[in-house]
C-alpha atoms as a PDB file:
ATOM      1  CA  MET A   1     221.545 126.443  25.564  1.00  0.00           C
ATOM      2  CA  TYR A   2     223.842 129.582  26.295  1.00  0.00           C
ATOM      3  CA  CYS A   3     225.072 129.326  29.923  1.00  0.00           C
ATOM      4  CA  TYR A   4     224.494 132.823  31.631  1.00  0.00           C
ATOM      5  CA  GLN A   5     227.523 133.926  34.316  1.00  0.00           C
ATOM      6  CA  CYS A   6     225.987 136.477  36.709  1.00  0.00           C
ATOM      7  CA  CYS A   7     228.566 138.784  36.910  1.00  0.00           C
ATOM      8  CA  HIS A   8     227.119 140.339  40.630  1.00  0.00           C
ATOM      9  CA  LEU A   9     227.331 144.167  39.381  1.00  0.00           C
ATOM     10  CA  SER A  10     226.758 146.564  41.906  1.00  0.00           C
ATOM     11  CA  GLN A  11     223.175 146.589  43.625  1.00  0.00           C
ATOM     12  CA  GLN A  12     222.448 150.368  43.030  1.00  0.00           C
ATOM     13  CA  PRO A  13     219.716 150.339  39.751  1.00  0.00           C
ATOM     14  CA  HIS A  14     221.317 151.736  36.374  1.00  0.00           C
ATOM     15  CA  ASN A  15     219.043 153.357  33.723  1.00  0.00           C
ATOM     16  CA  GLY A  16     221.679 153.545  31.160  1.00  0.00           C
ATOM     17  CA  TYR A  17     221.960 150.881  28.265  1.00  0.00           C
ATOM     18  CA  PRO A  18     223.349 151.581  25.072  1.00  0.00           C
ATOM     19  CA  GLU A  19     221.380 154.553  23.170  1.00  0.00           C
ATOM     20  CA  ALA A  20     222.181 153.454  20.107  1.00  0.00           C
ATOM     21  CA  LEU A  21     219.897 151.329  20.055  1.00  0.00           C
ATOM     22  CA  PHE A  22     216.770 152.613  21.365  1.00  0.00           C
ATOM     23  CA  ARG A  23     215.600 155.903  22.296  1.00  0.00           C
ATOM     24  CA  TYR A  24     215.255 156.465  26.113  1.00  0.00           C
ATOM     25  CA  GLY A  25     212.121 157.960  26.667  1.00  0.00           C
ATOM     26  CA  LEU A  26     213.010 160.375  30.173  1.00  0.00           C
ATOM     27  CA  GLU A  27     209.443 161.738  30.072  1.00  0.00           C
ATOM     28  CA  HIS A  28     208.371 158.226  31.468  1.00  0.00           C
ATOM     29  CA  LEU A  29     210.652 158.696  34.293  1.00  0.00           C
ATOM     30  CA  GLU A  30     208.065 161.336  35.962  1.00  0.00           C
ATOM     31  CA  LEU A  31     205.689 159.155  36.765  1.00  0.00           C
ATOM     32  CA  CYS A  32     207.963 157.513  39.292  1.00  0.00           C
ATOM     33  CA  THR A  33     210.472 160.132  40.649  1.00  0.00           C
ATOM     34  CA  THR A  34     206.820 161.872  41.678  1.00  0.00           C
ATOM     35  CA  TYR A  35     206.587 160.047  44.525  1.00  0.00           C
ATOM     36  CA  LEU A  36     210.283 160.535  45.912  1.00  0.00           C
ATOM     37  CA  SER A  37     210.870 162.694  48.104  1.00  0.00           C
ATOM     38  CA  GLN A  38     212.907 164.281  51.302  1.00  0.00           C
ATOM     39  CA  GLU A  39     210.848 162.495  53.648  1.00  0.00           C
ATOM     40  CA  PRO A  40     214.150 161.270  56.486  1.00  0.00           C
ATOM     41  CA  ALA A  41     214.349 157.342  57.571  1.00  0.00           C
ATOM     42  CA  GLN A  42     212.045 155.955  59.950  1.00  0.00           C
ATOM     43  CA  GLY A  43     214.473 155.048  63.013  1.00  0.00           C
ATOM     44  CA  LEU A  44     217.406 153.426  62.035  1.00  0.00           C
ATOM     45  CA  ASN A  45     216.422 151.312  59.709  1.00  0.00           C
ATOM     46  CA  PRO A  46     218.968 151.174  56.362  1.00  0.00           C
ATOM     47  CA  TYR A  47     217.200 150.199  53.092  1.00  0.00           C
ATOM     48  CA  TYR A  48     213.474 152.465  54.262  1.00  0.00           C
ATOM     49  CA  THR A  49     212.416 154.269  50.992  1.00  0.00           C
ATOM     50  CA  PRO A  50     209.487 156.452  51.598  1.00  0.00           C
ATOM     51  CA  ASN A  51     206.800 156.121  49.505  1.00  0.00           C
ATOM     52  CA  ALA A  52     208.410 152.819  47.875  1.00  0.00           C
ATOM     53  CA  PHE A  53     204.788 151.136  46.980  1.00  0.00           C
ATOM     54  CA  GLU A  54     203.967 154.129  44.902  1.00  0.00           C
ATOM     55  CA  MET A  55     207.413 154.589  43.272  1.00  0.00           C
ATOM     56  CA  CYS A  56     207.291 150.521  42.127  1.00  0.00           C
ATOM     57  CA  GLN A  57     203.815 150.895  41.474  1.00  0.00           C
ATOM     58  CA  ALA A  58     204.058 154.109  38.973  1.00  0.00           C
ATOM     59  CA  ALA A  59     207.281 151.757  37.220  1.00  0.00           C
ATOM     60  CA  ILE A  60     205.583 149.184  36.818  1.00  0.00           C
ATOM     61  CA  ASP A  61     202.253 150.484  35.502  1.00  0.00           C
ATOM     62  CA  VAL A  62     204.373 152.614  33.147  1.00  0.00           C
ATOM     63  CA  ALA A  63     206.288 149.317  32.265  1.00  0.00           C
ATOM     64  CA  LEU A  64     202.895 147.390  31.179  1.00  0.00           C
ATOM     65  CA  ILE A  65     202.498 150.001  28.518  1.00  0.00           C
ATOM     66  CA  LEU A  66     205.865 150.021  26.865  1.00  0.00           C
ATOM     67  CA  ASN A  67     206.156 146.548  27.049  1.00  0.00           C
ATOM     68  CA  ARG A  68     202.676 146.012  25.324  1.00  0.00           C
ATOM     69  CA  GLU A  69     203.505 148.778  22.129  1.00  0.00           C
ATOM     70  CA  ASN A  70     206.809 146.381  22.356  1.00  0.00           C
ATOM     71  CA  ASP A  71     209.078 149.280  23.752  1.00  0.00           C
ATOM     72  CA  LEU A  72     212.082 148.453  25.464  1.00  0.00           C
ATOM     73  CA  ASN A  73     212.191 150.949  27.272  1.00  0.00           C
ATOM     74  CA  ALA A  74     210.357 149.283  29.624  1.00  0.00           C
ATOM     75  CA  ALA A  75     213.358 148.137  31.017  1.00  0.00           C
ATOM     76  CA  SER A  76     214.471 151.670  32.402  1.00  0.00           C
ATOM     77  CA  MET A  77     211.275 151.136  33.943  1.00  0.00           C
ATOM     78  CA  LEU A  78     212.509 148.227  35.393  1.00  0.00           C
ATOM     79  CA  LEU A  79     215.558 148.755  36.699  1.00  0.00           C
ATOM     80  CA  THR A  80     214.403 151.809  38.705  1.00  0.00           C
ATOM     81  CA  ILE A  81     213.312 149.143  41.089  1.00  0.00           C
ATOM     82  CA  ASP A  82     215.495 147.692  43.762  1.00  0.00           C
ATOM     83  CA  GLY A  83     215.384 145.345  46.340  1.00  0.00           C
ATOM     84  CA  HIS A  84     215.317 147.835  48.985  1.00  0.00           C
ATOM     85  CA  SER A  85     211.976 149.500  47.352  1.00  0.00           C
ATOM     86  CA  LEU A  86     210.345 146.217  46.561  1.00  0.00           C
ATOM     87  CA  TRP A  87     210.418 144.932  50.584  1.00  0.00           C
ATOM     88  CA  GLU A  88     209.836 148.074  52.042  1.00  0.00           C
ATOM     89  CA  ALA A  89     206.812 148.560  49.442  1.00  0.00           C
ATOM     90  CA  GLN A  90     205.653 144.652  50.394  1.00  0.00           C
ATOM     91  CA  ARG A  91     205.948 145.457  54.153  1.00  0.00           C
ATOM     92  CA  GLN A  92     204.422 148.920  54.341  1.00  0.00           C
ATOM     93  CA  GLN A  93     201.605 148.187  51.500  1.00  0.00           C
ATOM     94  CA  PHE A  94     201.026 144.611  52.634  1.00  0.00           C
ATOM     95  CA  PRO A  95     202.225 143.936  56.329  1.00  0.00           C
ATOM     96  CA  GLU A  96     201.315 141.072  58.559  1.00  0.00           C
ATOM     97  CA  PRO A  97     198.402 140.923  60.648  1.00  0.00           C
ATOM     98  CA  VAL A  98     199.331 142.254  64.688  1.00  0.00           C
ATOM     99  CA  ASN A  99     195.533 142.346  65.559  1.00  0.00           C
ATOM    100  CA  ILE A 100     191.967 140.623  64.890  1.00  0.00           C
ATOM    101  CA  GLN A 101     190.789 143.370  63.056  1.00  0.00           C
ATOM    102  CA  GLU A 102     193.729 142.845  60.203  1.00  0.00           C
ATOM    103  CA  TYR A 103     193.623 139.322  60.866  1.00  0.00           C
ATOM    104  CA  ASN A 104     189.906 139.533  58.772  1.00  0.00           C
ATOM    105  CA  GLN A 105     191.244 141.356  55.992  1.00  0.00           C
ATOM    106  CA  ARG A 106     194.356 138.884  55.931  1.00  0.00           C
ATOM    107  CA  THR A 107     192.837 137.434  52.683  1.00  0.00           C
ATOM    108  CA  THR A 108     192.201 140.869  50.792  1.00  0.00           C
ATOM    109  CA  THR A 109     196.011 141.835  52.022  1.00  0.00           C
ATOM    110  CA  GLU A 110     197.426 138.760  50.464  1.00  0.00           C
ATOM    111  CA  ASN A 111     195.688 138.934  47.424  1.00  0.00           C
ATOM    112  CA  GLY A 112     196.811 142.639  46.926  1.00  0.00           C
ATOM    113  CA  SER A 113     200.237 141.642  47.474  1.00  0.00           C
ATOM    114  CA  ILE A 114     200.056 138.665  44.819  1.00  0.00           C
ATOM    115  CA  SER A 115     198.475 140.760  42.460  1.00  0.00           C
ATOM    116  CA  PHE A 116     201.710 143.143  42.978  1.00  0.00           C
ATOM    117  CA  TRP A 117     204.233 140.335  42.152  1.00  0.00           C
ATOM    118  CA  ARG A 118     202.661 139.008  39.610  1.00  0.00           C
ATOM    119  CA  GLU A 119     202.831 142.072  37.509  1.00  0.00           C
ATOM    120  CA  LEU A 120     206.147 142.774  38.219  1.00  0.00           C
ATOM    121  CA  ASN A 121     207.164 139.546  37.102  1.00  0.00           C
ATOM    122  CA  HIS A 122     205.117 139.500  34.234  1.00  0.00           C
ATOM    123  CA  CYS A 123     207.106 142.755  33.487  1.00  0.00           C
ATOM    124  CA  TRP A 124     210.447 141.295  33.139  1.00  0.00           C
ATOM    125  CA  LEU A 125     208.756 138.393  31.196  1.00  0.00           C
ATOM    126  CA  LYS A 126     207.299 139.916  28.897  1.00  0.00           C
ATOM    127  CA  LEU A 127     210.317 142.280  28.233  1.00  0.00           C
ATOM    128  CA  GLY A 128     212.400 138.977  27.645  1.00  0.00           C
ATOM    129  CA  ARG A 129     209.788 137.704  25.222  1.00  0.00           C
ATOM    130  CA  ASN A 130     209.595 141.318  23.453  1.00  0.00           C
ATOM    131  CA  ILE A 131     213.973 141.500  23.183  1.00  0.00           C
ATOM    132  CA  SER A 132     214.123 137.656  22.306  1.00  0.00           C
ATOM    133  CA  GLU A 133     211.722 138.228  19.451  1.00  0.00           C
ATOM    134  CA  THR A 134     213.675 141.587  17.829  1.00  0.00           C
ATOM    135  CA  LEU A 135     216.879 139.920  18.478  1.00  0.00           C
ATOM    136  CA  ARG A 136     215.197 136.831  16.176  1.00  0.00           C
ATOM    137  CA  GLN A 137     214.129 138.831  13.798  1.00  0.00           C
ATOM    138  CA  LYS A 138     217.507 140.443  12.793  1.00  0.00           C
ATOM    139  CA  THR A 139     219.846 138.482  10.698  1.00  0.00           C
ATOM    140  CA  HIS A 140     223.319 140.814  11.436  1.00  0.00           C
ATOM    141  CA  ILE A 141     223.989 143.771  13.305  1.00  0.00           C
ATOM    142  CA  ASP A 142     227.129 145.733  13.327  1.00  0.00           C
ATOM    143  CA  CYS A 143     229.505 143.854  15.972  1.00  0.00           C
ATOM    144  CA  ASN A 144     230.093 146.878  18.140  1.00  0.00           C
ATOM    145  CA  ALA A 145     226.490 147.261  18.547  1.00  0.00           C
ATOM    146  CA  LYS A 146     226.471 143.150  19.414  1.00  0.00           C
ATOM    147  CA  GLU A 147     228.703 143.903  22.464  1.00  0.00           C
ATOM    148  CA  SER A 148     226.938 146.336  23.604  1.00  0.00           C
ATOM    149  CA  LEU A 149     223.642 144.232  23.246  1.00  0.00           C
ATOM    150  CA  GLU A 150     224.960 141.627  25.111  1.00  0.00           C
ATOM    151  CA  GLU A 151     226.578 143.850  28.010  1.00  0.00           C
ATOM    152  CA  TRP A 152     222.771 144.992  28.527  1.00  0.00           C
ATOM    153  CA  LEU A 153     221.244 141.694  28.665  1.00  0.00           C
ATOM    154  CA  LYS A 154     223.829 140.974  31.300  1.00  0.00           C
ATOM    155  CA  GLU A 155     222.980 144.071  33.400  1.00  0.00           C
ATOM    156  CA  LEU A 156     218.981 143.520  33.225  1.00  0.00           C
ATOM    157  CA  VAL A 157     219.683 139.441  34.475  1.00  0.00           C
ATOM    158  CA  ASP A 158     222.521 140.889  37.222  1.00  0.00           C
ATOM    159  CA  HIS A 159     219.945 143.074  38.249  1.00  0.00           C
ATOM    160  CA  VAL A 160     217.107 140.519  38.487  1.00  0.00           C
ATOM    161  CA  ILE A 161     219.801 138.402  40.443  1.00  0.00           C
ATOM    162  CA  ASN A 162     220.585 141.363  42.929  1.00  0.00           C
ATOM    163  CA  VAL A 163     217.537 141.943  43.412  1.00  0.00           C
ATOM    164  CA  SER A 164     216.547 138.129  44.325  1.00  0.00           C
ATOM    165  CA  ASP A 165     219.696 138.772  46.435  1.00  0.00           C
ATOM    166  CA  PHE A 166     218.254 141.009  48.606  1.00  0.00           C
ATOM    167  CA  LEU A 167     214.352 139.559  49.176  1.00  0.00           C
ATOM    168  CA  GLU A 168     215.981 135.728  49.594  1.00  0.00           C
ATOM    169  CA  ASP A 169     216.201 136.412  53.031  1.00  0.00           C
ATOM    170  CA  PHE A 170     212.885 137.900  53.164  1.00  0.00           C
ATOM    171  CA  GLY A 171     210.736 134.414  51.606  1.00  0.00           C
ATOM    172  CA  LEU A 172     210.426 136.869  48.829  1.00  0.00           C
ATOM    173  CA  VAL A 173     212.264 134.985  45.911  1.00  0.00           C
ATOM    174  CA  ASP A 174     210.250 132.545  43.592  1.00  0.00           C
ATOM    175  CA  TYR A 175     207.139 132.476  45.468  1.00  0.00           C
ATOM    176  CA  GLU A 176     203.895 133.956  44.799  1.00  0.00           C
ATOM    177  CA  ARG A 177     204.564 137.060  46.929  1.00  0.00           C
ATOM    178  CA  GLY A 178     208.197 137.413  45.556  1.00  0.00           C
ATOM    179  CA  ILE A 179     210.553 137.407  42.288  1.00  0.00           C
ATOM    180  CA  TRP A 180     210.423 134.937  39.961  1.00  0.00           C
ATOM    181  CA  GLU A 181     214.220 134.950  39.665  1.00  0.00           C
ATOM    182  CA  ASP A 182     214.793 131.128  37.765  1.00  0.00           C
ATOM    183  CA  ASP A 183     211.594 132.325  35.147  1.00  0.00           C
ATOM    184  CA  ILE A 184     213.012 135.516  34.431  1.00  0.00           C
ATOM    185  CA  VAL A 185     216.497 134.350  34.296  1.00  0.00           C
ATOM    186  CA  SER A 186     215.662 131.237  31.895  1.00  0.00           C
ATOM    187  CA  CYS A 187     213.467 133.599  29.762  1.00  0.00           C
ATOM    188  CA  PHE A 188     216.705 136.063  29.315  1.00  0.00           C
ATOM    189  CA  GLU A 189     218.522 133.061  28.426  1.00  0.00           C
ATOM    190  CA  GLY A 190     216.906 132.541  25.508  1.00  0.00           C
ATOM    191  CA  CYS A 191     217.207 136.539  24.705  1.00  0.00           C
ATOM    192  CA  PHE A 192     220.908 135.419  24.449  1.00  0.00           C
ATOM    193  CA  GLU A 193     220.883 132.529  22.534  1.00  0.00           C
ATOM    194  CA  ALA A 194     218.681 134.739  19.669  1.00  0.00           C
ATOM    195  CA  LEU A 195     222.249 137.138  20.208  1.00  0.00           C
ATOM    196  CA  GLU A 196     224.132 134.259  19.742  1.00  0.00           C
ATOM    197  CA  GLN A 197     222.727 133.811  16.317  1.00  0.00           C
ATOM    198  CA  ILE A 198     222.835 137.277  15.109  1.00  0.00           C
ATOM    199  CA  GLY A 199     225.863 137.332  12.196  1.00  0.00           C
ATOM    200  CA  THR A 200     228.245 140.925  12.829  1.00  0.00           C
ATOM    201  CA  THR A 201     228.999 143.221   9.848  1.00  0.00           C
ATOM    202  CA  PRO A 202     232.179 145.056  10.278  1.00  0.00           C
ATOM    203  CA  PHE A 203     233.045 148.776  11.184  1.00  0.00           C
ATOM    204  CA  ASN A 204     232.700 151.043   8.326  1.00  0.00           C
ATOM    205  CA  SER A 205     235.901 153.069   6.179  1.00  0.00           C
ATOM    206  CA  GLN A 206     236.039 155.643   8.781  1.00  0.00           C
ATOM    207  CA  GLY A 207     236.897 153.553  11.329  1.00  0.00           C
ATOM    208  CA  SER A 208     233.631 153.788  13.204  1.00  0.00           C
ATOM    209  CA  TYR A 209     230.340 152.051  13.319  1.00  0.00           C
ATOM    210  CA  ASN A 210     226.878 153.114  11.859  1.00  0.00           C
ATOM    211  CA  GLY A 211     224.855 152.209  15.629  1.00  0.00           C
ATOM    212  CA  ALA A 212     222.683 149.228  16.683  1.00  0.00           C
ATOM    213  CA  GLY A 213     219.669 151.590  16.715  1.00  0.00           C
ATOM    214  CA  ALA A 214     219.212 151.373  12.453  1.00  0.00           C
ATOM    215  CA  GLN A 215     220.197 147.417  12.756  1.00  0.00           C
ATOM    216  CA  MET A 216     217.690 147.059  14.927  1.00  0.00           C
ATOM    217  CA  THR A 217     214.648 149.001  14.090  1.00  0.00           C
ATOM    218  CA  GLN A 218     215.996 147.969   9.640  1.00  0.00           C
ATOM    219  CA  GLN A 219     213.100 144.933   8.659  1.00  0.00           C
END
């Protein structure tokens, strides 16, 4: 079994991944950035993200669509969702009850929260399965492309781990309401194992390589 070693990248989300592998759909980012504003932070909360729930939900909605189409650009959407935003989304959209009226609506609030987290987790798990299935269809790819793919997979897993590290203090890891870190990391271990099984082709005679995009799309 492939043993993934986390290197803990920056907690800031990265939108970049090997462009030679997949076409980056910038138009999909518009649905997420629509909800960003210049609203000042509330009080002294250093993690405040205005419209956090709307921003996260928009990214999840696009990722769900892309996953259904087996479009690996779903990764770009998920990388825009960091731990700060998820915590703010939970706090803003699904607050703990503070009075009788809110307590009476607690079940509805909890169900909404569980659904929100379930969609996020299913997005990550579906992405991992799509990547694994794509890789298992390949027998050989360019050696540079294989290295880039491994770095990209590490970036995705590191992002999940960094998000989980932030959310752990709030009890939002490996529960119904929270990110399913263990399940997601385990799913991506299958991607690394599939990548290990792929052979490599050397650089071409001009000292450059044909690009992983062609290798990933050729049947």
